[in-house]
Amino acid sequence: MEPLLKVENLKTVFGPVVAVNDVSFELRKGETLGLVGESGSGKSVTAFSIIRLVQEPGEIVSGRIHFQGRDLLALSEEEMRRVRGAGIGFVFQEPMAALNPVMKVGAHIAEALLVHGLASRADARGRAIELLRAVKIVDPERRVDDYPHQLSGGMRQRVMMAIALACRPPLVIADEPTTALDVTVQAQILDLLREMKRAFDLSLLLITHDFGVIAETADRVAVMYRGQIVEQGPVRDILRNPQHPYTRGLLDSIPGGEPGTRLRGVSI
């Protein structure tokens, strides 16, 4: 069976700086692939390259990105706009930066439906309420009229998930979805991601710096270091027998030893 997403030899640069260098991986239908590495390793640039939203002066200079049998790099911008949202949903790392502060949360969700012709204006509000309920926002009939600043960080991230799921895309990319959330809310968001994956029959590309998140959530993992994937495979195999020194360093740096033991940094 053909993979849902197949990235081949992707290279993205910012002037002379190579941010993503010869990256290749596959994501199958119904699978969760974790893309893990430290900040600056190229994870988010890879994600934005897939949906062709790399900010200038960034540029995709080579490679192929096959999604549902089409090379996304060969599509026109108009065709690509139809893929974003309807084909690939995206959960951004910073909801407050991604959400328009003068738009109500219901309007954000309704806009995704209207742009892709999946609801009339009359129906969009009701669909927005349904989606807020699906992502476990309490009292969605009232919250649909809230502005982003009226919500907590965890609730804003749930709104981002509702927007990503609005068009029922087969693939969702979640870029550090638990960053800046406290531990309890992080666990709730991860539980919700797993539940939404089952309920909406999703494939998930989960981007994180946290191997603990990968261990709990992903089926397979790809480890990024300095813009390259240095190791990938089933999560259990990588956790039990990491082959690359960087992967071993990431795993060794996870807190959880005896009280009073020094934390270890990543060094290769």
Protein backbone atom coordinates (compact mmCIF):
# COMPACT_ATOMS: atom_id res chain seq x y z
CA MET A 1 0.00 0.00 0.00
CA GLU A 2 1.26 3.48 -0.91
CA PRO A 3 2.07 5.68 2.11
CA LEU A 4 -0.26 8.60 2.75
CA LEU A 5 2.72 10.97 2.92
CA LYS A 6 6.15 10.34 1.44
CA VAL A 7 8.91 12.91 1.78
CA GLU A 8 11.95 12.32 -0.41
CA ASN A 9 15.30 14.13 -0.21
CA LEU A 10 13.74 17.38 1.02
CA LYS A 11 16.09 20.34 1.24
CA THR A 12 15.06 23.76 2.57
CA VAL A 13 17.46 26.67 2.93
CA PHE A 14 17.49 30.16 4.42
CA GLY A 15 20.09 31.88 2.27
CA PRO A 16 23.37 30.07 2.94
CA VAL A 17 21.93 28.18 5.94
CA VAL A 18 20.64 24.69 5.20
CA ALA A 19 17.77 24.12 7.63
CA VAL A 20 16.53 20.79 6.23
CA ASN A 21 19.05 18.64 4.44
CA ASP A 22 18.11 15.56 2.37
CA VAL A 23 15.23 14.53 4.65
CA SER A 24 13.20 11.42 3.71
CA PHE A 25 10.45 9.60 5.60
CA GLU A 26 7.04 8.00 5.12
CA LEU A 27 3.77 8.16 7.02
CA ARG A 28 1.18 5.45 6.53
CA LYS A 29 -2.59 5.70 6.88
CA GLY A 30 -3.66 5.51 10.53
CA GLU A 31 -0.11 5.87 11.83
CA THR A 32 1.47 8.35 14.24
CA LEU A 33 5.02 9.33 13.29
CA GLY A 34 6.99 11.33 15.83
CA LEU A 35 9.60 13.79 14.56
CA VAL A 36 11.90 14.47 17.51
CA GLY A 37 14.95 16.63 18.09
CA GLU A 38 16.20 19.70 19.93
CA SER A 39 15.12 23.24 19.07
CA GLY A 40 16.82 24.28 15.84
CA SER A 41 17.15 20.74 14.50
CA GLY A 42 14.82 21.44 11.56
CA LYS A 43 11.59 19.78 12.74
CA SER A 44 9.24 22.74 12.31
CA VAL A 45 10.86 23.81 9.04
CA THR A 46 10.20 20.30 7.76
CA ALA A 47 6.54 20.61 8.77
CA PHE A 48 6.12 24.03 7.14
CA SER A 49 7.88 22.73 4.03
CA ILE A 50 5.29 19.95 3.72
CA ILE A 51 2.43 22.48 3.62
CA ARG A 52 4.54 24.99 1.67
CA LEU A 53 4.36 27.77 4.24
CA VAL A 54 8.09 28.38 4.69
CA GLN A 55 8.57 32.06 5.47
CA GLU A 56 10.93 34.16 3.34
CA PRO A 57 13.86 34.09 2.89
CA GLY A 58 13.32 30.36 3.31
CA GLU A 59 13.10 28.31 0.13
CA ILE A 60 12.52 24.65 -0.72
CA VAL A 61 15.26 23.94 -3.23
CA SER A 62 14.87 20.23 -3.91
CA GLY A 63 13.03 17.05 -3.06
CA ARG A 64 9.55 15.61 -3.41
CA ILE A 65 6.57 15.59 -1.07
CA HIS A 66 3.99 13.01 -2.17
CA PHE A 67 0.60 13.26 -0.49
CA GLN A 68 -2.30 11.10 -1.65
CA GLY A 69 -0.40 10.37 -4.84
CA ARG A 70 0.41 13.97 -5.78
CA ASP A 71 3.70 15.85 -5.45
CA LEU A 72 2.82 18.91 -3.38
CA LEU A 73 5.85 20.77 -4.69
CA ALA A 74 4.44 20.57 -8.22
CA LEU A 75 1.06 22.10 -7.31
CA SER A 76 0.06 25.70 -7.95
CA GLU A 77 -0.59 27.90 -4.93
CA GLU A 78 -4.34 27.72 -5.59
CA GLU A 79 -4.21 23.91 -5.62
CA MET A 80 -2.09 23.97 -2.48
CA ARG A 81 -4.66 26.11 -0.66
CA ARG A 82 -7.20 23.37 -1.24
CA VAL A 83 -4.81 20.82 0.30
CA ARG A 84 -4.23 22.92 3.44
CA GLY A 85 -7.07 22.31 5.84
CA ALA A 86 -9.04 19.85 3.71
CA GLY A 87 -6.14 17.44 3.11
CA ILE A 88 -3.66 18.37 5.80
CA GLY A 89 -4.70 19.97 9.08
CA PHE A 90 -2.09 21.85 11.11
CA VAL A 91 -1.90 22.46 14.87
CA PHE A 92 0.49 25.37 15.40
CA GLN A 93 2.94 25.62 18.26
CA GLU A 94 1.77 29.06 19.46
CA PRO A 95 -2.04 29.40 19.37
CA MET A 96 -1.96 33.08 20.31
CA ALA A 97 0.25 33.82 17.31
CA ALA A 98 -1.85 31.65 14.97
CA LEU A 99 -5.29 32.88 16.09
CA ASN A 100 -6.59 36.30 15.05
CA PRO A 101 -7.12 38.22 18.32
CA VAL A 102 -10.14 40.16 16.95
CA MET A 103 -11.99 37.05 15.68
CA LYS A 104 -14.18 34.91 17.88
CA VAL A 105 -13.09 31.30 18.15
CA GLY A 106 -16.25 30.12 16.39
CA ALA A 107 -15.44 32.40 13.45
CA HIS A 108 -12.00 30.79 13.12
CA ILE A 109 -13.56 27.33 12.82
CA ALA A 110 -16.36 28.55 10.55
CA GLU A 111 -13.82 30.17 8.22
CA ALA A 112 -12.09 26.82 7.66
CA LEU A 113 -15.43 25.23 6.73
CA LEU A 114 -16.54 28.11 4.48
CA VAL A 115 -13.23 28.36 2.58
CA HIS A 116 -13.51 24.70 1.56
CA GLY A 117 -17.25 24.87 0.86
CA LEU A 118 -18.11 22.37 3.59
CA ALA A 119 -20.82 24.42 5.31
CA SER A 120 -23.11 27.34 4.61
CA ARG A 121 -22.91 30.45 6.78
CA ALA A 122 -26.15 29.36 8.41
CA ASP A 123 -24.70 25.96 9.33
CA ALA A 124 -21.13 26.99 10.18
CA ARG A 125 -21.85 28.18 13.73
CA GLY A 126 -23.54 24.89 14.64
CA ARG A 127 -20.64 22.92 13.16
CA ALA A 128 -18.19 25.07 15.13
CA ILE A 129 -20.04 24.27 18.37
CA GLU A 130 -19.94 20.55 17.52
CA LEU A 131 -16.20 20.70 16.94
CA LEU A 132 -15.59 22.60 20.20
CA ARG A 133 -17.56 19.90 21.98
CA ALA A 134 -15.52 17.20 20.21
CA VAL A 135 -12.27 18.68 21.56
CA LYS A 136 -13.74 18.71 25.09
CA ILE A 137 -14.31 22.43 25.56
CA VAL A 138 -16.89 22.86 28.30
CA ASP A 139 -19.99 24.92 27.46
CA PRO A 140 -19.19 25.23 23.74
CA GLU A 141 -22.41 27.18 23.05
CA ARG A 142 -20.98 30.03 25.10
CA ARG A 143 -17.30 29.60 24.30
CA VAL A 144 -17.97 29.80 20.54
CA ASP A 145 -18.38 33.57 21.00
CA ASP A 146 -15.21 34.05 23.08
CA TYR A 147 -12.08 35.74 21.77
CA PRO A 148 -8.72 33.94 22.02
CA HIS A 149 -7.51 36.09 24.94
CA GLN A 150 -10.50 34.94 27.01
CA LEU A 151 -9.32 31.32 26.91
CA SER A 152 -6.55 29.54 28.80
CA GLY A 153 -3.52 28.21 26.93
CA GLY A 154 -4.89 24.68 26.98
CA MET A 155 -8.28 25.81 25.66
CA ARG A 156 -6.63 27.80 22.86
CA GLN A 157 -4.73 24.68 21.85
CA ARG A 158 -8.04 22.78 21.78
CA VAL A 159 -9.45 25.47 19.49
CA MET A 160 -6.44 24.97 17.19
CA MET A 161 -7.23 21.25 17.14
CA ALA A 162 -10.88 21.98 16.30
CA ILE A 163 -9.76 24.16 13.36
CA ALA A 164 -7.34 21.46 12.17
CA LEU A 165 -10.11 18.84 12.33
CA ALA A 166 -12.88 21.01 10.86
CA CYS A 167 -12.57 19.65 7.31
CA ARG A 168 -11.88 16.08 8.44
CA PRO A 169 -8.45 15.88 6.78
CA PRO A 170 -6.76 12.48 6.56
CA LEU A 171 -3.50 13.94 7.95
CA VAL A 172 -2.87 16.30 10.86
CA ILE A 173 0.54 17.81 11.61
CA ALA A 174 0.91 18.87 15.25
CA ASP A 175 3.92 21.15 15.81
CA GLU A 176 4.95 20.99 19.49
CA PRO A 177 1.30 21.00 20.62
CA THR A 178 2.16 20.86 24.34
CA THR A 179 4.80 23.60 24.45
CA ALA A 180 4.27 26.21 27.22
CA LEU A 181 1.48 24.17 28.85
CA ASP A 182 1.74 22.85 32.40
CA VAL A 183 2.22 19.13 32.90
CA THR A 184 -1.43 18.35 33.67
CA VAL A 185 -2.70 20.21 30.60
CA GLN A 186 0.02 18.61 28.44
CA ALA A 187 -1.29 15.17 29.41
CA GLN A 188 -4.86 16.24 28.58
CA ILE A 189 -3.84 17.53 25.15
CA LEU A 190 -1.93 14.32 24.35
CA ASP A 191 -4.89 12.20 25.47
CA LEU A 192 -7.15 14.32 23.27
CA LEU A 193 -4.83 13.91 20.27
CA ARG A 194 -4.96 10.14 20.65
CA GLU A 195 -8.74 10.22 21.03
CA MET A 196 -9.19 12.49 17.99
CA LYS A 197 -6.91 10.23 15.95
CA ARG A 198 -9.24 7.32 16.63
CA ALA A 199 -12.50 9.25 16.30
CA PHE A 200 -11.55 11.00 13.03
CA ASP A 201 -9.46 8.13 11.56
CA LEU A 202 -6.39 10.34 11.29
CA SER A 203 -2.77 9.91 10.45
CA LEU A 204 -0.63 12.13 12.69
CA LEU A 205 2.78 13.73 12.26
CA LEU A 206 3.75 14.76 15.79
CA ILE A 207 6.64 17.18 16.17
CA THR A 208 8.25 17.44 19.58
CA HIS A 209 11.54 17.76 21.45
CA ASP A 210 10.24 15.41 24.16
CA PHE A 211 11.01 11.71 23.85
CA GLY A 212 8.54 11.05 26.66
CA VAL A 213 5.73 12.36 24.41
CA ILE A 214 6.98 10.13 21.59
CA ALA A 215 7.03 7.07 23.85
CA GLU A 216 3.40 7.66 24.87
CA THR A 217 1.95 8.68 21.51
CA ALA A 218 3.88 7.59 18.41
CA ASP A 219 4.10 4.31 16.49
CA ARG A 220 7.35 5.21 14.75
CA VAL A 221 9.92 7.93 15.35
CA ALA A 222 12.37 9.87 13.19
CA VAL A 223 15.20 11.63 15.02
CA MET A 224 16.42 14.95 13.58
CA TYR A 225 19.83 16.49 14.18
CA ARG A 226 21.19 19.55 12.38
CA GLY A 227 18.60 19.35 9.63
CA GLN A 228 18.99 15.64 8.93
CA ILE A 229 17.19 12.50 10.04
CA VAL A 230 19.88 10.44 11.73
CA GLU A 231 17.74 7.50 12.82
CA GLN A 232 14.18 6.26 12.37
CA GLY A 233 12.16 3.17 13.16
CA PRO A 234 9.48 1.74 15.46
CA VAL A 235 9.39 3.64 18.77
CA ARG A 236 9.95 0.54 20.87
CA ASP A 237 13.05 -0.45 18.88
CA ILE A 238 14.58 3.03 19.07
CA LEU A 239 13.91 3.33 22.81
CA ARG A 240 15.39 -0.10 23.54
CA ASN A 241 18.35 0.01 21.19
CA PRO A 242 19.21 3.48 19.84
CA GLN A 243 21.94 3.31 17.23
CA HIS A 244 22.96 6.93 16.75
CA PRO A 245 24.96 8.82 19.42
CA TYR A 246 22.55 11.77 19.21
CA THR A 247 19.54 9.53 19.88
CA ARG A 248 21.34 8.02 22.87
CA GLY A 249 22.13 11.54 24.09
CA LEU A 250 18.49 12.60 23.83
CA LEU A 251 17.37 9.55 25.77
CA ASP A 252 20.08 9.97 28.42
CA SER A 253 19.06 13.61 28.98
CA ILE A 254 15.48 12.72 30.00
CA PRO A 255 14.96 13.55 33.72
CA GLY A 256 13.86 10.72 35.96
CA GLY A 257 16.90 9.44 37.83
CA GLU A 258 17.39 9.32 41.58
CA PRO A 259 16.73 12.56 43.48
CA GLY A 260 19.91 14.65 43.60
CA THR A 261 21.43 13.16 40.45
CA ARG A 262 22.80 15.62 37.94
CA LEU A 263 20.86 16.09 34.70
CA ARG A 264 22.79 15.10 31.59
CA GLY A 265 23.01 17.30 28.53
CA VAL A 266 23.08 16.13 24.93
CA SER A 267 26.61 15.72 23.58
CA ILE A 268 27.89 13.69 20.68
